[in-house]
Every structure is written in structure tokens, then in C-alpha cells.
Amino acid sequence: MKSTMKHMFAALSFAALATPVAAHHSYSMFDMQRTIVLDATVTQFRWSNPHAFIRVSADVDGRTEEWSIEMTSPNNLVQEGWTRRSIKQGDRVQLYVHPLRSGAQGGAYSGIVLPDGSTLGTVE
């Protein structure tokens, strides 16, 4: 019985000392030194944790490409002036994006010119 109690006490002690680990990924897949500008039509805007996403149909070198743009969390975006209704499907926007290093059609959000001409984020 004493042995069982010792094991149980040890297990509870270790459980009490354990701390949750917050997962986070790197932005190394994006070329943060480069910014490209996409003239695009919003096909989907997903306002969700841990990251919001914008999917667009963009005009690139005379052809249409589908791009997926990763954003930060909605909590951070609100501090920048975003709401879940800032953009909607069908909106024509100009997106400023740090492209994927792989060359695939995706990137990290930097800024946006909204249909009314107002801006959010870094637009340079």
C-alpha cells in the first residue's frame, strides 16, 4: 500500500509541475525582406484563430492565380483596425504580401488597400 501511495504521490507531483507548452511556428517560409503587391479579388476571408486567412484570385503577369495569404490572429488584427467585416467575397483589393520562399502562390499579409481606398497594415 505504501508503495502505491508513493507512486501516486510522485505522479501527482510531476503532473502539478508540468506546464503547458504554447506551440508557434516560424515565419521563415516567407521572404520577409520582399513585399509584392497583388491586385486581387477576395474569394474567401476566414476570421479564425490562430490565424486569419485571405484567399484571393490575383492578376499576375496577364494570368489569374489563386493565392492564400496568412495573417496574424484576429486579436492582433483588431488592434490594427480590422473587423470580421473589413473585407468580403468579391471585394477588389490591393494586397501587400511577403511571398513564400518556395515560389508557390502564398504569403504573409503585410497590408491592404480596401475597396474604398482606405488602408490597413503596412502599405508601401
C-alpha atoms as a PDB file:
ATOM      1  CA  MET A   1       0.000   0.000   0.000  1.00  0.00           C
ATOM      2  CA  LYS A   2       2.822   2.387   0.903  1.00  0.00           C
ATOM      3  CA  SER A   3       4.463   1.725  -2.477  1.00  0.00           C
ATOM      4  CA  THR A   4       1.229   2.555  -4.310  1.00  0.00           C
ATOM      5  CA  MET A   5       0.836   5.785  -2.335  1.00  0.00           C
ATOM      6  CA  LYS A   6       4.424   6.785  -3.145  1.00  0.00           C
ATOM      7  CA  HIS A   7       3.842   6.180  -6.856  1.00  0.00           C
ATOM      8  CA  MET A   8       0.600   8.113  -6.792  1.00  0.00           C
ATOM      9  CA  PHE A   9       2.217  10.999  -4.915  1.00  0.00           C
ATOM     10  CA  ALA A  10       5.110  11.053  -7.403  1.00  0.00           C
ATOM     11  CA  ALA A  11       2.740  11.029 -10.377  1.00  0.00           C
ATOM     12  CA  LEU A  12       0.638  13.869  -8.933  1.00  0.00           C
ATOM     13  CA  SER A  13       3.780  15.876  -8.141  1.00  0.00           C
ATOM     14  CA  PHE A  14       5.023  15.587 -11.722  1.00  0.00           C
ATOM     15  CA  ALA A  15       1.589  16.494 -13.086  1.00  0.00           C
ATOM     16  CA  ALA A  16       1.442  19.587 -10.868  1.00  0.00           C
ATOM     17  CA  LEU A  17       4.854  20.726 -12.094  1.00  0.00           C
ATOM     18  CA  ALA A  18       4.063  20.216 -15.765  1.00  0.00           C
ATOM     19  CA  THR A  19       3.328  23.401 -17.670  1.00  0.00           C
ATOM     20  CA  PRO A  20       1.535  23.629 -20.979  1.00  0.00           C
ATOM     21  CA  VAL A  21       3.716  24.400 -23.980  1.00  0.00           C
ATOM     22  CA  ALA A  22       2.438  27.021 -26.387  1.00  0.00           C
ATOM     23  CA  ALA A  23       3.043  25.981 -29.978  1.00  0.00           C
ATOM     24  CA  HIS A  24       4.096  28.575 -32.500  1.00  0.00           C
ATOM     25  CA  HIS A  25       5.590  28.323 -35.917  1.00  0.00           C
ATOM     26  CA  SER A  26       8.266  30.344 -37.624  1.00  0.00           C
ATOM     27  CA  TYR A  27       7.786  32.799 -40.455  1.00  0.00           C
ATOM     28  CA  SER A  28      10.980  31.508 -42.094  1.00  0.00           C
ATOM     29  CA  MET A  29       8.966  30.102 -45.002  1.00  0.00           C
ATOM     30  CA  PHE A  30       8.155  33.686 -46.054  1.00  0.00           C
ATOM     31  CA  ASP A  31      10.603  36.112 -47.659  1.00  0.00           C
ATOM     32  CA  MET A  32      10.138  38.892 -45.108  1.00  0.00           C
ATOM     33  CA  GLN A  33      12.668  41.086 -46.966  1.00  0.00           C
ATOM     34  CA  ARG A  34      10.464  41.209 -50.073  1.00  0.00           C
ATOM     35  CA  THR A  35       6.990  42.646 -50.490  1.00  0.00           C
ATOM     36  CA  ILE A  36       4.886  42.069 -53.567  1.00  0.00           C
ATOM     37  CA  VAL A  37       1.621  43.771 -54.460  1.00  0.00           C
ATOM     38  CA  LEU A  38      -1.337  41.730 -55.691  1.00  0.00           C
ATOM     39  CA  ASP A  39      -4.308  43.294 -57.478  1.00  0.00           C
ATOM     40  CA  ALA A  40      -6.875  40.751 -56.432  1.00  0.00           C
ATOM     41  CA  THR A  41     -10.463  39.731 -55.840  1.00  0.00           C
ATOM     42  CA  VAL A  42     -11.264  38.233 -52.444  1.00  0.00           C
ATOM     43  CA  THR A  43     -12.601  34.685 -52.819  1.00  0.00           C
ATOM     44  CA  GLN A  44     -12.634  33.872 -49.084  1.00  0.00           C
ATOM     45  CA  PHE A  45     -11.873  35.651 -45.827  1.00  0.00           C
ATOM     46  CA  ARG A  46     -11.539  33.410 -42.801  1.00  0.00           C
ATOM     47  CA  TRP A  47     -11.551  35.244 -39.452  1.00  0.00           C
ATOM     48  CA  SER A  48     -10.350  32.466 -37.152  1.00  0.00           C
ATOM     49  CA  ASN A  49      -7.735  31.545 -34.570  1.00  0.00           C
ATOM     50  CA  PRO A  50      -4.871  31.019 -34.502  1.00  0.00           C
ATOM     51  CA  HIS A  51      -4.526  32.870 -37.842  1.00  0.00           C
ATOM     52  CA  ALA A  52      -6.926  34.632 -40.161  1.00  0.00           C
ATOM     53  CA  PHE A  53      -6.582  33.878 -43.889  1.00  0.00           C
ATOM     54  CA  ILE A  54      -7.421  35.670 -47.114  1.00  0.00           C
ATOM     55  CA  ARG A  55      -7.816  33.683 -50.307  1.00  0.00           C
ATOM     56  CA  VAL A  56      -7.751  35.718 -53.485  1.00  0.00           C
ATOM     57  CA  SER A  57      -7.808  35.439 -57.218  1.00  0.00           C
ATOM     58  CA  ALA A  58      -4.947  37.669 -58.398  1.00  0.00           C
ATOM     59  CA  ASP A  59      -3.930  39.036 -61.775  1.00  0.00           C
ATOM     60  CA  VAL A  60      -0.235  38.168 -62.165  1.00  0.00           C
ATOM     61  CA  ASP A  61       1.626  38.742 -65.442  1.00  0.00           C
ATOM     62  CA  GLY A  62      -1.548  38.542 -67.521  1.00  0.00           C
ATOM     63  CA  ARG A  63      -2.905  35.379 -65.940  1.00  0.00           C
ATOM     64  CA  THR A  64      -5.139  34.627 -62.971  1.00  0.00           C
ATOM     65  CA  GLU A  65      -3.643  32.854 -59.958  1.00  0.00           C
ATOM     66  CA  GLU A  66      -5.191  31.664 -56.705  1.00  0.00           C
ATOM     67  CA  TRP A  67      -3.280  32.897 -53.649  1.00  0.00           C
ATOM     68  CA  SER A  68      -3.605  32.068 -49.946  1.00  0.00           C
ATOM     69  CA  ILE A  69      -2.432  34.780 -47.579  1.00  0.00           C
ATOM     70  CA  GLU A  70      -1.728  34.000 -43.929  1.00  0.00           C
ATOM     71  CA  MET A  71      -2.452  36.703 -41.399  1.00  0.00           C
ATOM     72  CA  THR A  72      -1.924  37.053 -37.677  1.00  0.00           C
ATOM     73  CA  SER A  73      -4.605  36.321 -35.067  1.00  0.00           C
ATOM     74  CA  PRO A  74      -7.913  38.213 -35.071  1.00  0.00           C
ATOM     75  CA  ASN A  75      -6.935  39.713 -31.699  1.00  0.00           C
ATOM     76  CA  ASN A  76      -3.854  41.325 -33.263  1.00  0.00           C
ATOM     77  CA  LEU A  77      -5.772  42.368 -36.380  1.00  0.00           C
ATOM     78  CA  VAL A  78      -8.400  44.196 -34.287  1.00  0.00           C
ATOM     79  CA  GLN A  79      -5.617  46.315 -32.810  1.00  0.00           C
ATOM     80  CA  GLU A  80      -4.679  47.248 -36.388  1.00  0.00           C
ATOM     81  CA  GLY A  81      -8.247  48.315 -37.199  1.00  0.00           C
ATOM     82  CA  TRP A  82      -9.609  45.112 -38.747  1.00  0.00           C
ATOM     83  CA  THR A  83     -13.047  43.649 -38.110  1.00  0.00           C
ATOM     84  CA  ARG A  84     -14.535  40.396 -39.356  1.00  0.00           C
ATOM     85  CA  ARG A  85     -16.386  42.541 -41.917  1.00  0.00           C
ATOM     86  CA  SER A  86     -13.407  44.552 -43.221  1.00  0.00           C
ATOM     87  CA  ILE A  87     -13.454  42.573 -46.470  1.00  0.00           C
ATOM     88  CA  LYS A  88     -15.871  40.170 -48.075  1.00  0.00           C
ATOM     89  CA  GLN A  89     -16.006  37.788 -51.002  1.00  0.00           C
ATOM     90  CA  GLY A  90     -15.951  39.687 -54.287  1.00  0.00           C
ATOM     91  CA  ASP A  91     -14.108  42.767 -52.971  1.00  0.00           C
ATOM     92  CA  ARG A  92     -11.349  44.111 -55.243  1.00  0.00           C
ATOM     93  CA  VAL A  93      -8.299  44.847 -53.095  1.00  0.00           C
ATOM     94  CA  GLN A  94      -4.619  45.523 -53.371  1.00  0.00           C
ATOM     95  CA  LEU A  95      -2.691  43.180 -51.057  1.00  0.00           C
ATOM     96  CA  TYR A  96       0.854  43.722 -49.853  1.00  0.00           C
ATOM     97  CA  VAL A  97       2.388  40.312 -49.188  1.00  0.00           C
ATOM     98  CA  HIS A  98       5.688  38.764 -48.142  1.00  0.00           C
ATOM     99  CA  PRO A  99       5.781  35.856 -50.630  1.00  0.00           C
ATOM    100  CA  LEU A 100       6.596  32.246 -49.869  1.00  0.00           C
ATOM    101  CA  ARG A 101      10.270  31.459 -50.419  1.00  0.00           C
ATOM    102  CA  SER A 102       9.237  28.354 -52.389  1.00  0.00           C
ATOM    103  CA  GLY A 103       7.638  30.460 -55.117  1.00  0.00           C
ATOM    104  CA  ALA A 104       4.186  28.946 -54.507  1.00  0.00           C
ATOM    105  CA  GLN A 105       1.157  31.255 -54.592  1.00  0.00           C
ATOM    106  CA  GLY A 106       1.004  32.251 -50.965  1.00  0.00           C
ATOM    107  CA  GLY A 107       2.456  34.628 -48.475  1.00  0.00           C
ATOM    108  CA  ALA A 108       2.272  36.516 -45.221  1.00  0.00           C
ATOM    109  CA  TYR A 109      -0.004  39.548 -45.005  1.00  0.00           C
ATOM    110  CA  SER A 110       1.673  42.928 -44.712  1.00  0.00           C
ATOM    111  CA  GLY A 111      -1.034  45.405 -45.704  1.00  0.00           C
ATOM    112  CA  ILE A 112      -4.118  46.037 -47.792  1.00  0.00           C
ATOM    113  CA  VAL A 113      -5.830  48.788 -49.750  1.00  0.00           C
ATOM    114  CA  LEU A 114      -9.562  48.248 -49.271  1.00  0.00           C
ATOM    115  CA  PRO A 115     -12.202  48.856 -51.965  1.00  0.00           C
ATOM    116  CA  ASP A 116     -12.952  52.338 -50.528  1.00  0.00           C
ATOM    117  CA  GLY A 117      -9.252  53.296 -50.766  1.00  0.00           C
ATOM    118  CA  SER A 118      -8.545  53.098 -47.038  1.00  0.00           C
ATOM    119  CA  THR A 119      -5.570  51.067 -45.864  1.00  0.00           C
ATOM    120  CA  LEU A 120      -4.743  48.625 -43.096  1.00  0.00           C
ATOM    121  CA  GLY A 121      -1.303  47.333 -42.197  1.00  0.00           C
ATOM    122  CA  THR A 122       1.903  48.311 -43.947  1.00  0.00           C
ATOM    123  CA  VAL A 123       1.256  49.636 -47.432  1.00  0.00           C
ATOM    124  CA  GLU A 124       4.463  50.900 -49.057  1.00  0.00           C
END
